[in-house]
Amino acid sequence: MDDRELIRRIVEEVKDEKLREELLRRVAKGEGGSVEKILRRIEHRLKAQDSLAKQEIMHGRTEKIAKIEWWGELIAAPLYYLVWGSFFSGGILLLAYLIFGGFAKIPKLTLFLLGILWLLTIANAAVETYFLLEGKK
């Protein structure tokens, strides 16, 4: 693909101004191959977004309903982990309290394992939120 055709594609397909400037700068430097790869990735991403929108419409959802569902999932995902993590760790603490006869007598290992459990719960919520934000779910 020659530079004129590449510049035309960049101007038509790339909506982000900073990215457009960077790609045009690369074309001016003679890095046409890397620009073509970037344009193919952008084109692939746009096709995937279009495909997801078509799937939503085929399932009887309008764009507005799909957005509301997405926001609901985005808010509910971390809350789900927060509620179940609290319930589970509260149950473990209650059980440890009853077994050892007080909070002061609970072994440090139990509290350490609860901390690890909370870190895993937070990481799981972050991954779930990341996938929702990236549109991979």
N, C-alpha and C. Protein backbone atom coordinates (compact mmCIF):
# COMPACT_ATOMS: atom_id res chain seq x y z
N MET A 1 0.86 -1.17 0.00
CA MET A 1 0.00 0.00 0.00
C MET A 1 0.90 1.23 0.00
N ASP A 2 0.61 2.16 -0.89
CA ASP A 2 1.44 3.36 -0.97
C ASP A 2 1.03 4.38 0.11
N ASP A 3 1.85 5.41 0.27
CA ASP A 3 1.65 6.37 1.35
C ASP A 3 0.35 7.15 1.22
N ARG A 4 -0.04 7.48 0.00
CA ARG A 4 -1.29 8.25 -0.17
C ARG A 4 -2.50 7.43 0.28
N GLU A 5 -2.51 6.18 -0.11
CA GLU A 5 -3.63 5.31 0.27
C GLU A 5 -3.64 5.10 1.79
N LEU A 6 -2.46 4.95 2.37
CA LEU A 6 -2.33 4.79 3.81
C LEU A 6 -2.82 6.02 4.55
N ILE A 7 -2.44 7.20 4.08
CA ILE A 7 -2.89 8.46 4.70
C ILE A 7 -4.41 8.59 4.59
N ARG A 8 -4.97 8.22 3.44
CA ARG A 8 -6.42 8.29 3.25
C ARG A 8 -7.13 7.37 4.25
N ARG A 9 -6.62 6.16 4.43
CA ARG A 9 -7.23 5.22 5.38
C ARG A 9 -7.13 5.74 6.81
N ILE A 10 -6.00 6.34 7.15
CA ILE A 10 -5.82 6.88 8.50
C ILE A 10 -6.84 7.98 8.76
N VAL A 11 -6.99 8.89 7.82
CA VAL A 11 -7.91 10.02 7.99
C VAL A 11 -9.35 9.52 8.08
N GLU A 12 -9.72 8.48 7.31
CA GLU A 12 -11.09 7.98 7.32
C GLU A 12 -11.41 7.13 8.54
N GLU A 13 -10.50 6.26 8.94
CA GLU A 13 -10.82 5.24 9.94
C GLU A 13 -10.47 5.62 11.37
N VAL A 14 -9.45 6.44 11.57
CA VAL A 14 -9.00 6.73 12.93
C VAL A 14 -9.69 7.99 13.43
N LYS A 15 -10.48 7.83 14.48
CA LYS A 15 -11.24 8.95 15.04
C LYS A 15 -10.47 9.70 16.12
N ASP A 16 -9.57 9.02 16.82
CA ASP A 16 -8.80 9.65 17.89
C ASP A 16 -7.71 10.53 17.29
N GLU A 17 -7.72 11.80 17.64
CA GLU A 17 -6.79 12.77 17.04
C GLU A 17 -5.34 12.47 17.36
N LYS A 18 -5.04 12.11 18.61
CA LYS A 18 -3.66 11.83 18.99
C LYS A 18 -3.12 10.62 18.23
N LEU A 19 -3.94 9.58 18.14
CA LEU A 19 -3.52 8.38 17.41
C LEU A 19 -3.36 8.70 15.93
N ARG A 20 -4.25 9.49 15.38
CA ARG A 20 -4.16 9.87 13.97
C ARG A 20 -2.85 10.63 13.70
N GLU A 21 -2.52 11.58 14.59
CA GLU A 21 -1.28 12.35 14.43
C GLU A 21 -0.06 11.43 14.51
N GLU A 22 -0.09 10.50 15.46
CA GLU A 22 1.04 9.57 15.62
C GLU A 22 1.20 8.70 14.37
N LEU A 23 0.10 8.20 13.84
CA LEU A 23 0.17 7.35 12.64
C LEU A 23 0.66 8.15 11.43
N LEU A 24 0.17 9.36 11.28
CA LEU A 24 0.64 10.19 10.16
C LEU A 24 2.13 10.52 10.31
N ARG A 25 2.57 10.72 11.55
CA ARG A 25 3.99 10.97 11.80
C ARG A 25 4.83 9.75 11.41
N ARG A 26 4.32 8.56 11.71
CA ARG A 26 5.03 7.34 11.34
C ARG A 26 5.09 7.15 9.82
N VAL A 27 4.01 7.51 9.13
CA VAL A 27 4.01 7.42 7.67
C VAL A 27 5.06 8.37 7.10
N ALA A 28 5.14 9.57 7.69
CA ALA A 28 6.12 10.55 7.21
C ALA A 28 7.55 10.05 7.42
N LYS A 29 7.78 9.27 8.49
CA LYS A 29 9.11 8.74 8.76
C LYS A 29 9.42 7.53 7.87
N GLY A 30 8.41 7.00 7.21
CA GLY A 30 8.63 5.83 6.36
C GLY A 30 8.37 4.51 7.05
N GLU A 31 7.63 4.51 8.14
CA GLU A 31 7.31 3.29 8.87
C GLU A 31 5.93 2.79 8.45
N GLY A 32 5.72 2.59 7.17
CA GLY A 32 4.41 2.20 6.66
C GLY A 32 3.96 0.83 7.12
N GLY A 33 4.89 -0.12 7.28
CA GLY A 33 4.52 -1.48 7.69
C GLY A 33 3.89 -1.52 9.07
N SER A 34 4.48 -0.79 10.01
CA SER A 34 3.93 -0.79 11.36
C SER A 34 2.58 -0.08 11.39
N VAL A 35 2.42 0.95 10.56
CA VAL A 35 1.14 1.67 10.50
C VAL A 35 0.06 0.76 9.93
N GLU A 36 0.40 -0.04 8.93
CA GLU A 36 -0.58 -0.97 8.36
C GLU A 36 -1.02 -1.99 9.41
N LYS A 37 -0.11 -2.48 10.23
CA LYS A 37 -0.46 -3.42 11.30
C LYS A 37 -1.41 -2.77 12.29
N ILE A 38 -1.12 -1.53 12.66
CA ILE A 38 -1.98 -0.82 13.61
C ILE A 38 -3.38 -0.62 13.01
N LEU A 39 -3.44 -0.25 11.74
CA LEU A 39 -4.74 -0.07 11.08
C LEU A 39 -5.51 -1.37 11.01
N ARG A 40 -4.81 -2.50 10.78
CA ARG A 40 -5.49 -3.80 10.77
C ARG A 40 -6.06 -4.13 12.15
N ARG A 41 -5.30 -3.80 13.21
CA ARG A 41 -5.81 -4.04 14.56
C ARG A 41 -7.04 -3.19 14.84
N ILE A 42 -7.00 -1.93 14.42
CA ILE A 42 -8.15 -1.03 14.62
C ILE A 42 -9.35 -1.56 13.85
N GLU A 43 -9.13 -1.99 12.61
CA GLU A 43 -10.21 -2.53 11.79
C GLU A 43 -10.80 -3.78 12.43
N HIS A 44 -9.94 -4.66 12.96
CA HIS A 44 -10.41 -5.88 13.62
C HIS A 44 -11.24 -5.53 14.85
N ARG A 45 -10.77 -4.54 15.63
CA ARG A 45 -11.50 -4.13 16.83
C ARG A 45 -12.87 -3.55 16.47
N LEU A 46 -12.92 -2.74 15.41
CA LEU A 46 -14.20 -2.17 14.98
C LEU A 46 -15.16 -3.25 14.52
N LYS A 47 -14.65 -4.27 13.81
CA LYS A 47 -15.51 -5.37 13.38
C LYS A 47 -16.05 -6.13 14.59
N ALA A 48 -15.19 -6.33 15.60
CA ALA A 48 -15.63 -7.04 16.80
C ALA A 48 -16.71 -6.25 17.53
N GLN A 49 -16.53 -4.93 17.65
CA GLN A 49 -17.55 -4.11 18.29
C GLN A 49 -18.85 -4.15 17.51
N ASP A 50 -18.76 -4.08 16.19
CA ASP A 50 -19.94 -4.15 15.34
C ASP A 50 -20.63 -5.49 15.52
N SER A 51 -19.84 -6.56 15.61
CA SER A 51 -20.39 -7.90 15.78
C SER A 51 -21.13 -8.01 17.12
N LEU A 52 -20.53 -7.45 18.19
CA LEU A 52 -21.20 -7.49 19.49
C LEU A 52 -22.51 -6.72 19.46
N ALA A 53 -22.52 -5.58 18.79
CA ALA A 53 -23.74 -4.78 18.69
C ALA A 53 -24.81 -5.57 17.92
N LYS A 54 -24.42 -6.25 16.83
CA LYS A 54 -25.38 -7.05 16.07
C LYS A 54 -25.93 -8.19 16.90
N GLN A 55 -25.07 -8.84 17.69
CA GLN A 55 -25.53 -9.93 18.55
C GLN A 55 -26.54 -9.43 19.56
N GLU A 56 -26.28 -8.27 20.14
CA GLU A 56 -27.21 -7.70 21.12
C GLU A 56 -28.56 -7.43 20.47
N ILE A 57 -28.53 -6.89 19.25
CA ILE A 57 -29.78 -6.58 18.55
C ILE A 57 -30.51 -7.88 18.19
N MET A 58 -29.76 -8.90 17.79
CA MET A 58 -30.38 -10.17 17.42
C MET A 58 -31.05 -10.83 18.62
N HIS A 59 -30.55 -10.59 19.82
CA HIS A 59 -31.16 -11.15 21.02
C HIS A 59 -32.32 -10.30 21.52
N GLY A 60 -32.74 -9.34 20.74
CA GLY A 60 -33.90 -8.53 21.09
C GLY A 60 -33.60 -7.35 21.99
N ARG A 61 -32.34 -7.00 22.12
CA ARG A 61 -31.99 -5.87 22.98
C ARG A 61 -31.71 -4.65 22.12
N THR A 62 -32.18 -3.56 22.58
CA THR A 62 -31.80 -2.31 21.92
C THR A 62 -30.48 -1.84 22.51
N GLU A 63 -29.90 -0.84 21.92
CA GLU A 63 -28.62 -0.34 22.42
C GLU A 63 -28.77 0.22 23.83
N LYS A 64 -29.89 0.88 24.09
CA LYS A 64 -30.10 1.47 25.41
C LYS A 64 -30.22 0.38 26.49
N ILE A 65 -30.95 -0.69 26.19
CA ILE A 65 -31.09 -1.79 27.15
C ILE A 65 -29.75 -2.47 27.37
N ALA A 66 -28.99 -2.67 26.29
CA ALA A 66 -27.67 -3.30 26.41
C ALA A 66 -26.75 -2.46 27.29
N LYS A 67 -26.80 -1.12 27.15
CA LYS A 67 -25.96 -0.26 27.97
C LYS A 67 -26.38 -0.33 29.44
N ILE A 68 -27.67 -0.36 29.69
CA ILE A 68 -28.17 -0.45 31.07
C ILE A 68 -27.73 -1.77 31.70
N GLU A 69 -27.84 -2.87 30.94
CA GLU A 69 -27.40 -4.16 31.45
C GLU A 69 -25.90 -4.16 31.73
N TRP A 70 -25.13 -3.54 30.84
CA TRP A 70 -23.68 -3.50 31.02
C TRP A 70 -23.33 -2.72 32.29
N TRP A 71 -23.96 -1.55 32.49
CA TRP A 71 -23.69 -0.77 33.70
C TRP A 71 -24.12 -1.54 34.94
N GLY A 72 -25.24 -2.26 34.84
CA GLY A 72 -25.68 -3.07 35.97
C GLY A 72 -24.66 -4.14 36.33
N GLU A 73 -24.12 -4.81 35.32
CA GLU A 73 -23.09 -5.82 35.56
C GLU A 73 -21.83 -5.18 36.13
N LEU A 74 -21.47 -4.01 35.62
CA LEU A 74 -20.26 -3.34 36.08
C LEU A 74 -20.37 -2.96 37.55
N ILE A 75 -21.54 -2.57 37.99
CA ILE A 75 -21.75 -2.20 39.39
C ILE A 75 -21.91 -3.45 40.25
N ALA A 76 -22.60 -4.47 39.72
CA ALA A 76 -22.90 -5.66 40.50
C ALA A 76 -21.69 -6.57 40.69
N ALA A 77 -20.76 -6.59 39.74
CA ALA A 77 -19.63 -7.51 39.83
C ALA A 77 -18.79 -7.30 41.09
N PRO A 78 -18.32 -6.07 41.36
CA PRO A 78 -17.55 -5.90 42.61
C PRO A 78 -18.40 -6.09 43.86
N LEU A 79 -19.66 -5.68 43.80
CA LEU A 79 -20.53 -5.83 44.97
C LEU A 79 -20.76 -7.30 45.30
N TYR A 80 -20.87 -8.13 44.28
CA TYR A 80 -21.05 -9.56 44.47
C TYR A 80 -19.89 -10.13 45.27
N TYR A 81 -18.65 -9.78 44.87
CA TYR A 81 -17.48 -10.29 45.58
C TYR A 81 -17.39 -9.70 46.98
N LEU A 82 -17.77 -8.45 47.14
CA LEU A 82 -17.73 -7.81 48.45
C LEU A 82 -18.70 -8.49 49.42
N VAL A 83 -19.91 -8.75 48.96
CA VAL A 83 -20.93 -9.37 49.83
C VAL A 83 -20.53 -10.78 50.21
N TRP A 84 -20.17 -11.61 49.22
CA TRP A 84 -19.81 -12.99 49.52
C TRP A 84 -18.51 -13.08 50.30
N GLY A 85 -17.56 -12.20 50.02
CA GLY A 85 -16.31 -12.19 50.79
C GLY A 85 -16.57 -11.83 52.24
N SER A 86 -17.44 -10.85 52.47
CA SER A 86 -17.79 -10.46 53.84
C SER A 86 -18.51 -11.59 54.56
N PHE A 87 -19.45 -12.21 53.88
CA PHE A 87 -20.21 -13.31 54.48
C PHE A 87 -19.29 -14.47 54.84
N PHE A 88 -18.41 -14.86 53.91
CA PHE A 88 -17.52 -16.00 54.13
C PHE A 88 -16.49 -15.69 55.22
N SER A 89 -15.85 -14.52 55.16
CA SER A 89 -14.84 -14.21 56.16
C SER A 89 -15.49 -13.97 57.53
N GLY A 90 -16.69 -13.40 57.55
CA GLY A 90 -17.41 -13.25 58.82
C GLY A 90 -17.73 -14.59 59.44
N GLY A 91 -18.11 -15.56 58.60
CA GLY A 91 -18.38 -16.91 59.10
C GLY A 91 -17.12 -17.55 59.67
N ILE A 92 -16.00 -17.36 59.00
CA ILE A 92 -14.74 -17.93 59.49
C ILE A 92 -14.35 -17.27 60.81
N LEU A 93 -14.50 -15.93 60.89
CA LEU A 93 -14.17 -15.25 62.14
C LEU A 93 -15.09 -15.68 63.28
N LEU A 94 -16.38 -15.86 63.00
CA LEU A 94 -17.31 -16.32 64.03
C LEU A 94 -16.94 -17.71 64.50
N LEU A 95 -16.61 -18.58 63.57
CA LEU A 95 -16.22 -19.94 63.92
C LEU A 95 -14.94 -19.92 64.75
N ALA A 96 -13.96 -19.11 64.35
CA ALA A 96 -12.70 -19.02 65.11
C ALA A 96 -12.96 -18.43 66.49
N TYR A 97 -13.84 -17.46 66.60
CA TYR A 97 -14.18 -16.86 67.89
C TYR A 97 -14.79 -17.91 68.82
N LEU A 98 -15.70 -18.73 68.28
CA LEU A 98 -16.34 -19.75 69.11
C LEU A 98 -15.36 -20.86 69.49
N ILE A 99 -14.48 -21.23 68.58
CA ILE A 99 -13.54 -22.32 68.87
C ILE A 99 -12.48 -21.87 69.88
N PHE A 100 -11.91 -20.69 69.69
CA PHE A 100 -10.80 -20.24 70.54
C PHE A 100 -11.24 -19.42 71.74
N GLY A 101 -12.51 -19.05 71.84
CA GLY A 101 -13.02 -18.37 73.02
C GLY A 101 -12.66 -16.89 73.11
N GLY A 102 -12.53 -16.22 72.00
CA GLY A 102 -12.26 -14.78 72.02
C GLY A 102 -11.38 -14.38 70.84
N PHE A 103 -11.46 -13.11 70.50
CA PHE A 103 -10.69 -12.62 69.36
C PHE A 103 -9.19 -12.58 69.66
N ALA A 104 -8.84 -12.34 70.91
CA ALA A 104 -7.43 -12.23 71.26
C ALA A 104 -6.71 -13.57 71.14
N LYS A 105 -7.45 -14.67 71.22
CA LYS A 105 -6.83 -15.99 71.19
C LYS A 105 -6.79 -16.62 69.79
N ILE A 106 -7.34 -15.91 68.80
CA ILE A 106 -7.32 -16.46 67.43
C ILE A 106 -5.88 -16.44 66.93
N PRO A 107 -5.40 -17.56 66.38
CA PRO A 107 -4.01 -17.61 65.89
C PRO A 107 -3.78 -16.62 64.75
N LYS A 108 -2.56 -16.12 64.70
CA LYS A 108 -2.20 -15.16 63.65
C LYS A 108 -2.30 -15.78 62.26
N LEU A 109 -2.07 -17.08 62.15
CA LEU A 109 -2.17 -17.76 60.86
C LEU A 109 -3.58 -17.67 60.29
N THR A 110 -4.58 -17.79 61.15
CA THR A 110 -5.97 -17.68 60.70
C THR A 110 -6.24 -16.29 60.13
N LEU A 111 -5.77 -15.27 60.82
CA LEU A 111 -5.97 -13.90 60.34
C LEU A 111 -5.17 -13.65 59.06
N PHE A 112 -3.97 -14.23 58.97
CA PHE A 112 -3.17 -14.11 57.76
C PHE A 112 -3.88 -14.75 56.57
N LEU A 113 -4.46 -15.93 56.78
CA LEU A 113 -5.18 -16.62 55.70
C LEU A 113 -6.44 -15.84 55.30
N LEU A 114 -7.08 -15.19 56.25
CA LEU A 114 -8.23 -14.34 55.93
C LEU A 114 -7.79 -13.15 55.08
N GLY A 115 -6.63 -12.59 55.40
CA GLY A 115 -6.09 -11.49 54.59
C GLY A 115 -5.80 -11.94 53.17
N ILE A 116 -5.23 -13.13 53.01
CA ILE A 116 -4.98 -13.69 51.68
C ILE A 116 -6.31 -13.90 50.95
N LEU A 117 -7.31 -14.38 51.65
CA LEU A 117 -8.63 -14.59 51.05
C LEU A 117 -9.19 -13.27 50.53
N TRP A 118 -9.03 -12.19 51.31
CA TRP A 118 -9.53 -10.89 50.88
C TRP A 118 -8.75 -10.36 49.69
N LEU A 119 -7.44 -10.58 49.67
CA LEU A 119 -6.65 -10.16 48.50
C LEU A 119 -7.10 -10.88 47.24
N LEU A 120 -7.36 -12.18 47.36
CA LEU A 120 -7.84 -12.95 46.21
C LEU A 120 -9.23 -12.47 45.77
N THR A 121 -10.07 -12.14 46.73
CA THR A 121 -11.40 -11.65 46.41
C THR A 121 -11.33 -10.32 45.67
N ILE A 122 -10.48 -9.43 46.14
CA ILE A 122 -10.32 -8.12 45.49
C ILE A 122 -9.73 -8.29 44.09
N ALA A 123 -8.75 -9.19 43.96
CA ALA A 123 -8.16 -9.43 42.64
C ALA A 123 -9.20 -10.01 41.68
N ASN A 124 -10.02 -10.91 42.17
CA ASN A 124 -11.08 -11.50 41.33
C ASN A 124 -12.08 -10.44 40.88
N ALA A 125 -12.46 -9.55 41.79
CA ALA A 125 -13.37 -8.46 41.43
C ALA A 125 -12.74 -7.53 40.42
N ALA A 126 -11.44 -7.26 40.57
CA ALA A 126 -10.75 -6.38 39.62
C ALA A 126 -10.68 -7.01 38.24
N VAL A 127 -10.42 -8.31 38.18
CA VAL A 127 -10.37 -9.00 36.89
C VAL A 127 -11.74 -8.99 36.22
N GLU A 128 -12.77 -9.26 36.99
CA GLU A 128 -14.14 -9.25 36.45
C GLU A 128 -14.48 -7.87 35.91
N THR A 129 -14.14 -6.84 36.64
CA THR A 129 -14.40 -5.47 36.20
C THR A 129 -13.59 -5.14 34.95
N TYR A 130 -12.34 -5.59 34.92
CA TYR A 130 -11.49 -5.35 33.75
C TYR A 130 -12.10 -5.97 32.50
N PHE A 131 -12.56 -7.22 32.61
CA PHE A 131 -13.15 -7.88 31.45
C PHE A 131 -14.42 -7.17 30.99
N LEU A 132 -15.18 -6.67 31.94
CA LEU A 132 -16.38 -5.92 31.55
C LEU A 132 -16.00 -4.63 30.85
N LEU A 133 -14.97 -3.96 31.33
CA LEU A 133 -14.55 -2.71 30.72
C LEU A 133 -13.93 -2.93 29.35
N GLU A 134 -13.28 -4.04 29.15
CA GLU A 134 -12.66 -4.33 27.86
C GLU A 134 -13.64 -4.93 26.87
N GLY A 135 -14.82 -5.27 27.33
CA GLY A 135 -15.83 -5.81 26.42
C GLY A 135 -15.59 -7.26 26.06
N LYS A 136 -14.87 -7.97 26.90
CA LYS A 136 -14.54 -9.36 26.59
C LYS A 136 -15.57 -10.33 27.14
N LYS A 137 -16.52 -9.82 27.88
CA LYS A 137 -17.51 -10.73 28.44
C LYS A 137 -18.76 -10.66 27.61
